[in-house]
C-alpha atoms as a PDB file:
ATOM      1  CA  MET A   1      -1.021   1.530 -19.202  1.00  0.00           C
ATOM      2  CA  THR A   2       2.136   2.308 -21.314  1.00  0.00           C
ATOM      3  CA  LYS A   3       4.053  -0.529 -23.364  1.00  0.00           C
ATOM      4  CA  ASP A   4       6.222  -0.925 -20.436  1.00  0.00           C
ATOM      5  CA  GLY A   5       3.133  -2.113 -18.329  1.00  0.00           C
ATOM      6  CA  VAL A   6       1.671   0.059 -15.600  1.00  0.00           C
ATOM      7  CA  ASP A   7       2.375   3.630 -15.188  1.00  0.00           C
ATOM      8  CA  MET A   8       2.824   3.615 -11.276  1.00  0.00           C
ATOM      9  CA  GLU A   9       3.024   7.672 -11.017  1.00  0.00           C
ATOM     10  CA  LYS A  10      -0.135   8.366 -12.758  1.00  0.00           C
ATOM     11  CA  SER A  11      -1.528   5.212 -11.055  1.00  0.00           C
ATOM     12  CA  CYS A  12      -0.863   6.615  -7.722  1.00  0.00           C
ATOM     13  CA  ALA A  13      -1.654  10.053  -8.366  1.00  0.00           C
ATOM     14  CA  ARG A  14      -5.274   8.944  -9.462  1.00  0.00           C
ATOM     15  CA  ARG A  15      -5.794   6.667  -6.224  1.00  0.00           C
ATOM     16  CA  MET A  16      -4.478   9.665  -4.252  1.00  0.00           C
ATOM     17  CA  LYS A  17      -7.009  12.166  -5.733  1.00  0.00           C
ATOM     18  CA  ASP A  18     -10.132   9.298  -4.953  1.00  0.00           C
ATOM     19  CA  ALA A  19      -8.710   9.302  -1.406  1.00  0.00           C
ATOM     20  CA  LYS A  20      -8.469  12.838  -0.789  1.00  0.00           C
ATOM     21  CA  LYS A  21     -12.057  13.281  -1.890  1.00  0.00           C
ATOM     22  CA  THR A  22     -12.754  10.020   0.732  1.00  0.00           C
ATOM     23  CA  LEU A  23     -10.811  11.893   3.637  1.00  0.00           C
ATOM     24  CA  ALA A  24     -12.644  15.447   3.049  1.00  0.00           C
ATOM     25  CA  TRP A  25     -15.689  13.707   2.824  1.00  0.00           C
ATOM     26  CA  MET A  26     -14.885  11.686   6.104  1.00  0.00           C
ATOM     27  CA  ARG A  27     -13.757  14.370   8.112  1.00  0.00           C
ATOM     28  CA  ARG A  28     -17.021  16.613   7.306  1.00  0.00           C
ATOM     29  CA  LYS A  29     -18.780  13.410   8.765  1.00  0.00           C
ATOM     30  CA  GLY A  30     -16.635  13.194  12.343  1.00  0.00           C
ATOM     31  CA  LEU A  31     -13.663  11.088  10.963  1.00  0.00           C
ATOM     32  CA  ASN A  32     -11.326  13.638  13.178  1.00  0.00           C
ATOM     33  CA  GLY A  33     -10.166  14.184  16.932  1.00  0.00           C
ATOM     34  CA  PHE A  34     -13.202  15.733  17.677  1.00  0.00           C
ATOM     35  CA  GLY A  35     -16.322  13.472  16.086  1.00  0.00           C
ATOM     36  CA  PHE A  36     -15.645   9.353  16.198  1.00  0.00           C
ATOM     37  CA  TRP A  37     -13.580   7.994  18.632  1.00  0.00           C
ATOM     38  CA  ASN A  38     -10.039   7.243  17.941  1.00  0.00           C
ATOM     39  CA  LEU A  39     -10.557   3.498  17.764  1.00  0.00           C
ATOM     40  CA  HIS A  40     -13.607   3.714  15.295  1.00  0.00           C
ATOM     41  CA  SER A  41     -11.791   6.153  12.845  1.00  0.00           C
ATOM     42  CA  LEU A  42      -8.509   3.847  13.194  1.00  0.00           C
ATOM     43  CA  TYR A  43     -10.788   0.910  12.245  1.00  0.00           C
ATOM     44  CA  MET A  44     -12.345   3.063   9.377  1.00  0.00           C
ATOM     45  CA  TYR A  45      -8.762   4.724   7.935  1.00  0.00           C
ATOM     46  CA  PRO A  46      -7.474   1.477   6.509  1.00  0.00           C
ATOM     47  CA  ILE A  47     -11.339   0.025   5.230  1.00  0.00           C
ATOM     48  CA  PHE A  48     -12.205   3.558   3.701  1.00  0.00           C
ATOM     49  CA  ILE A  49      -9.116   5.975   2.818  1.00  0.00           C
ATOM     50  CA  ARG A  50      -5.812   3.364   2.985  1.00  0.00           C
ATOM     51  CA  SER A  51      -7.651   0.549   0.736  1.00  0.00           C
ATOM     52  CA  GLN A  52      -7.474   3.387  -1.804  1.00  0.00           C
ATOM     53  CA  LEU A  53      -3.875   4.118  -1.514  1.00  0.00           C
ATOM     54  CA  GLU A  54      -2.837   0.739  -1.355  1.00  0.00           C
ATOM     55  CA  TYR A  55      -4.831  -0.487  -4.688  1.00  0.00           C
ATOM     56  CA  GLY A  56      -2.162  -1.542  -6.698  1.00  0.00           C
ATOM     57  CA  LEU A  57       0.660  -1.583  -4.429  1.00  0.00           C
ATOM     58  CA  ALA A  58       1.309  -5.093  -4.493  1.00  0.00           C
ATOM     59  CA  LEU A  59       2.666  -5.402  -8.100  1.00  0.00           C
ATOM     60  CA  ARG A  60       6.474  -4.107  -7.497  1.00  0.00           C
ATOM     61  CA  PRO A  61       7.940  -2.264  -4.836  1.00  0.00           C
ATOM     62  CA  LEU A  62       7.862   1.425  -5.407  1.00  0.00           C
ATOM     63  CA  THR A  63      10.606   3.729  -5.211  1.00  0.00           C
ATOM     64  CA  THR A  64      11.170   6.109  -2.996  1.00  0.00           C
ATOM     65  CA  LEU A  65       9.800   8.938  -5.294  1.00  0.00           C
ATOM     66  CA  GLU A  66       7.003   7.175  -6.048  1.00  0.00           C
ATOM     67  CA  LEU A  67       6.172   6.262  -1.880  1.00  0.00           C
ATOM     68  CA  SER A  68       6.905  10.128  -0.790  1.00  0.00           C
ATOM     69  CA  PRO A  69       3.410  11.262  -1.954  1.00  0.00           C
ATOM     70  CA  LEU A  70       1.857   8.199  -0.740  1.00  0.00           C
ATOM     71  CA  GLN A  71       3.543   8.773   2.436  1.00  0.00           C
ATOM     72  CA  LYS A  72       2.973  12.372   2.917  1.00  0.00           C
ATOM     73  CA  PHE A  73      -0.810  11.766   2.604  1.00  0.00           C
ATOM     74  CA  GLN A  74      -0.979   8.904   5.239  1.00  0.00           C
ATOM     75  CA  ASN A  75       0.485  11.340   7.508  1.00  0.00           C
ATOM     76  CA  THR A  76      -2.164  13.996   6.284  1.00  0.00           C
ATOM     77  CA  CYS A  77      -4.409  11.326   7.057  1.00  0.00           C
ATOM     78  CA  LEU A  78      -3.156  10.345  10.759  1.00  0.00           C
ATOM     79  CA  ARG A  79      -3.107  13.952  11.793  1.00  0.00           C
ATOM     80  CA  THR A  80      -6.378  14.416  10.915  1.00  0.00           C
ATOM     81  CA  LEU A  81      -7.407  11.269  12.461  1.00  0.00           C
ATOM     82  CA  PHE A  82      -5.973  12.730  15.647  1.00  0.00           C
ATOM     83  CA  SER A  83      -6.740  16.275  15.025  1.00  0.00           C
ATOM     84  CA  VAL A  84      -3.423  17.161  16.351  1.00  0.00           C
ATOM     85  CA  PRO A  85      -0.953  19.915  14.485  1.00  0.00           C
ATOM     86  CA  SER A  86       1.596  19.815  11.630  1.00  0.00           C
ATOM     87  CA  SER A  87       4.432  20.038  14.002  1.00  0.00           C
ATOM     88  CA  THR A  88       3.482  16.295  15.470  1.00  0.00           C
ATOM     89  CA  SER A  89       6.205  13.731  14.801  1.00  0.00           C
ATOM     90  CA  ILE A  90       4.802  11.228  12.237  1.00  0.00           C
ATOM     91  CA  ALA A  91       6.434   8.310  13.953  1.00  0.00           C
ATOM     92  CA  ALA A  92       4.788   8.786  17.318  1.00  0.00           C
ATOM     93  CA  LEU A  93       1.955   8.861  15.373  1.00  0.00           C
ATOM     94  CA  HIS A  94       2.515   5.419  13.502  1.00  0.00           C
ATOM     95  CA  LEU A  95       3.587   4.008  17.173  1.00  0.00           C
ATOM     96  CA  ILE A  96       0.271   5.073  18.744  1.00  0.00           C
ATOM     97  CA  SER A  97      -2.266   4.128  15.716  1.00  0.00           C
ATOM     98  CA  SER A  98      -0.224   0.937  15.021  1.00  0.00           C
ATOM     99  CA  VAL A  99      -0.520   1.901  11.266  1.00  0.00           C
ATOM    100  CA  PRO A 100       2.447   0.893   9.557  1.00  0.00           C
ATOM    101  CA  THR A 101       4.549   2.958   6.785  1.00  0.00           C
ATOM    102  CA  ILE A 102       3.252   2.737   2.893  1.00  0.00           C
ATOM    103  CA  LYS A 103       6.923   1.168   2.324  1.00  0.00           C
ATOM    104  CA  THR A 104       6.627  -1.292   5.316  1.00  0.00           C
ATOM    105  CA  ARG A 105       3.306  -1.998   3.599  1.00  0.00           C
ATOM    106  CA  ASN A 106       3.993  -2.063   0.169  1.00  0.00           C
ATOM    107  CA  LEU A 107       6.995  -4.358   0.518  1.00  0.00           C
ATOM    108  CA  ARG A 108       4.495  -6.513   2.695  1.00  0.00           C
ATOM    109  CA  LEU A 109       2.064  -6.586   0.019  1.00  0.00           C
ATOM    110  CA  ASN A 110       4.485  -7.538  -2.654  1.00  0.00           C
ATOM    111  CA  ALA A 111       6.071 -10.436  -0.808  1.00  0.00           C
ATOM    112  CA  SER A 112       2.744 -11.870  -0.051  1.00  0.00           C
ATOM    113  CA  TYR A 113       1.605 -10.996  -3.617  1.00  0.00           C
ATOM    114  CA  PHE A 114       4.557 -12.935  -5.131  1.00  0.00           C
ATOM    115  CA  TYR A 115       4.784 -15.729  -2.195  1.00  0.00           C
ATOM    116  CA  ARG A 116       0.970 -16.795  -3.388  1.00  0.00           C
ATOM    117  CA  LEU A 117       1.848 -16.080  -7.137  1.00  0.00           C
ATOM    118  CA  HIS A 118       4.905 -18.522  -6.745  1.00  0.00           C
ATOM    119  CA  GLN A 119       3.137 -21.194  -4.714  1.00  0.00           C
ATOM    120  CA  THR A 120      -0.006 -21.613  -6.955  1.00  0.00           C
ATOM    121  CA  LYS A 121      -0.512 -24.280  -8.699  1.00  0.00           C
ATOM    122  CA  ASP A 122      -3.379 -23.387 -10.865  1.00  0.00           C
ATOM    123  CA  THR A 123      -2.493 -23.634 -14.561  1.00  0.00           C
ATOM    124  CA  ARG A 124      -5.845 -22.514 -16.071  1.00  0.00           C
ATOM    125  CA  ASN A 125      -3.911 -19.339 -16.083  1.00  0.00           C
ATOM    126  CA  LEU A 126      -1.857 -19.342 -19.139  1.00  0.00           C
ATOM    127  CA  MET A 127       0.322 -16.033 -18.253  1.00  0.00           C
ATOM    128  CA  LEU A 128       0.481 -17.120 -14.308  1.00  0.00           C
ATOM    129  CA  HIS A 129       1.724 -20.410 -15.772  1.00  0.00           C
ATOM    130  CA  THR A 130       4.419 -19.077 -18.001  1.00  0.00           C
ATOM    131  CA  TYR A 131       5.434 -16.654 -15.121  1.00  0.00           C
ATOM    132  CA  ARG A 132       5.610 -19.352 -12.822  1.00  0.00           C
ATOM    133  CA  GLN A 133       7.848 -21.225 -15.214  1.00  0.00           C
ATOM    134  CA  GLY A 134      10.258 -18.282 -15.900  1.00  0.00           C
ATOM    135  CA  LEU A 135      10.584 -18.097 -12.021  1.00  0.00           C
ATOM    136  CA  GLU A 136      11.607 -21.678 -11.896  1.00  0.00           C
ATOM    137  CA  ALA A 137      14.112 -21.775 -14.524  1.00  0.00           C
ATOM    138  CA  LEU A 138      16.014 -18.280 -13.010  1.00  0.00           C
ATOM    139  CA  TYR A 139      15.043 -19.579  -9.251  1.00  0.00           C
ATOM    140  CA  PRO A 140      15.280 -22.849  -8.270  1.00  0.00           C
ATOM    141  CA  PRO A 141      11.959 -23.933  -5.938  1.00  0.00           C
ATOM    142  CA  HIS A 142      13.495 -24.667  -3.007  1.00  0.00           C
ATOM    143  CA  SER A 143      15.163 -20.854  -3.161  1.00  0.00           C
ATOM    144  CA  THR A 144      14.667 -17.537  -1.129  1.00  0.00           C
ATOM    145  CA  SER A 145      16.274 -15.778  -3.784  1.00  0.00           C
ATOM    146  CA  ILE A 146      13.269 -15.046  -5.572  1.00  0.00           C
ATOM    147  CA  ILE A 147      12.276 -13.399  -2.164  1.00  0.00           C
ATOM    148  CA  LYS A 148      15.270 -11.325  -2.067  1.00  0.00           C
ATOM    149  CA  ALA A 149      15.318 -10.356  -5.722  1.00  0.00           C
ATOM    150  CA  THR A 150      11.239  -8.924  -4.810  1.00  0.00           C
ATOM    151  CA  LEU A 151      12.606  -7.003  -2.068  1.00  0.00           C
ATOM    152  CA  ARG A 152      15.320  -5.124  -4.006  1.00  0.00           C
END
């Protein structure tokens, strides 16, 4: 945390460090093309590894500089999962595995988070209530401009 909020670069680096440890441990246990079945590996990847990468991604859309290390690590995970060389097309691996890119996942999580935040009627959380009142002042409730502003 900084005075301006969450330092996403440090947060992403710390989460990637933990995810790398998890990947190394799971690789030894059989998360590769010769261990678990690919279907089982594809179930385990989002549960154990991607969940560590995604923690906090819903707070805001990340910049390309913040996303690139996360995407490179996800590419490494997919290559490990299928035991393919580094020259294999990433687009093909995403297509085969049905795993979205980190950018797509970040935007989806962010839109979902702010939609739930905007639609809640819970006024017990003062910060949330104040935030919502500010949003309603800037963006009328029946406007899609909040979604457009979130995805910029």
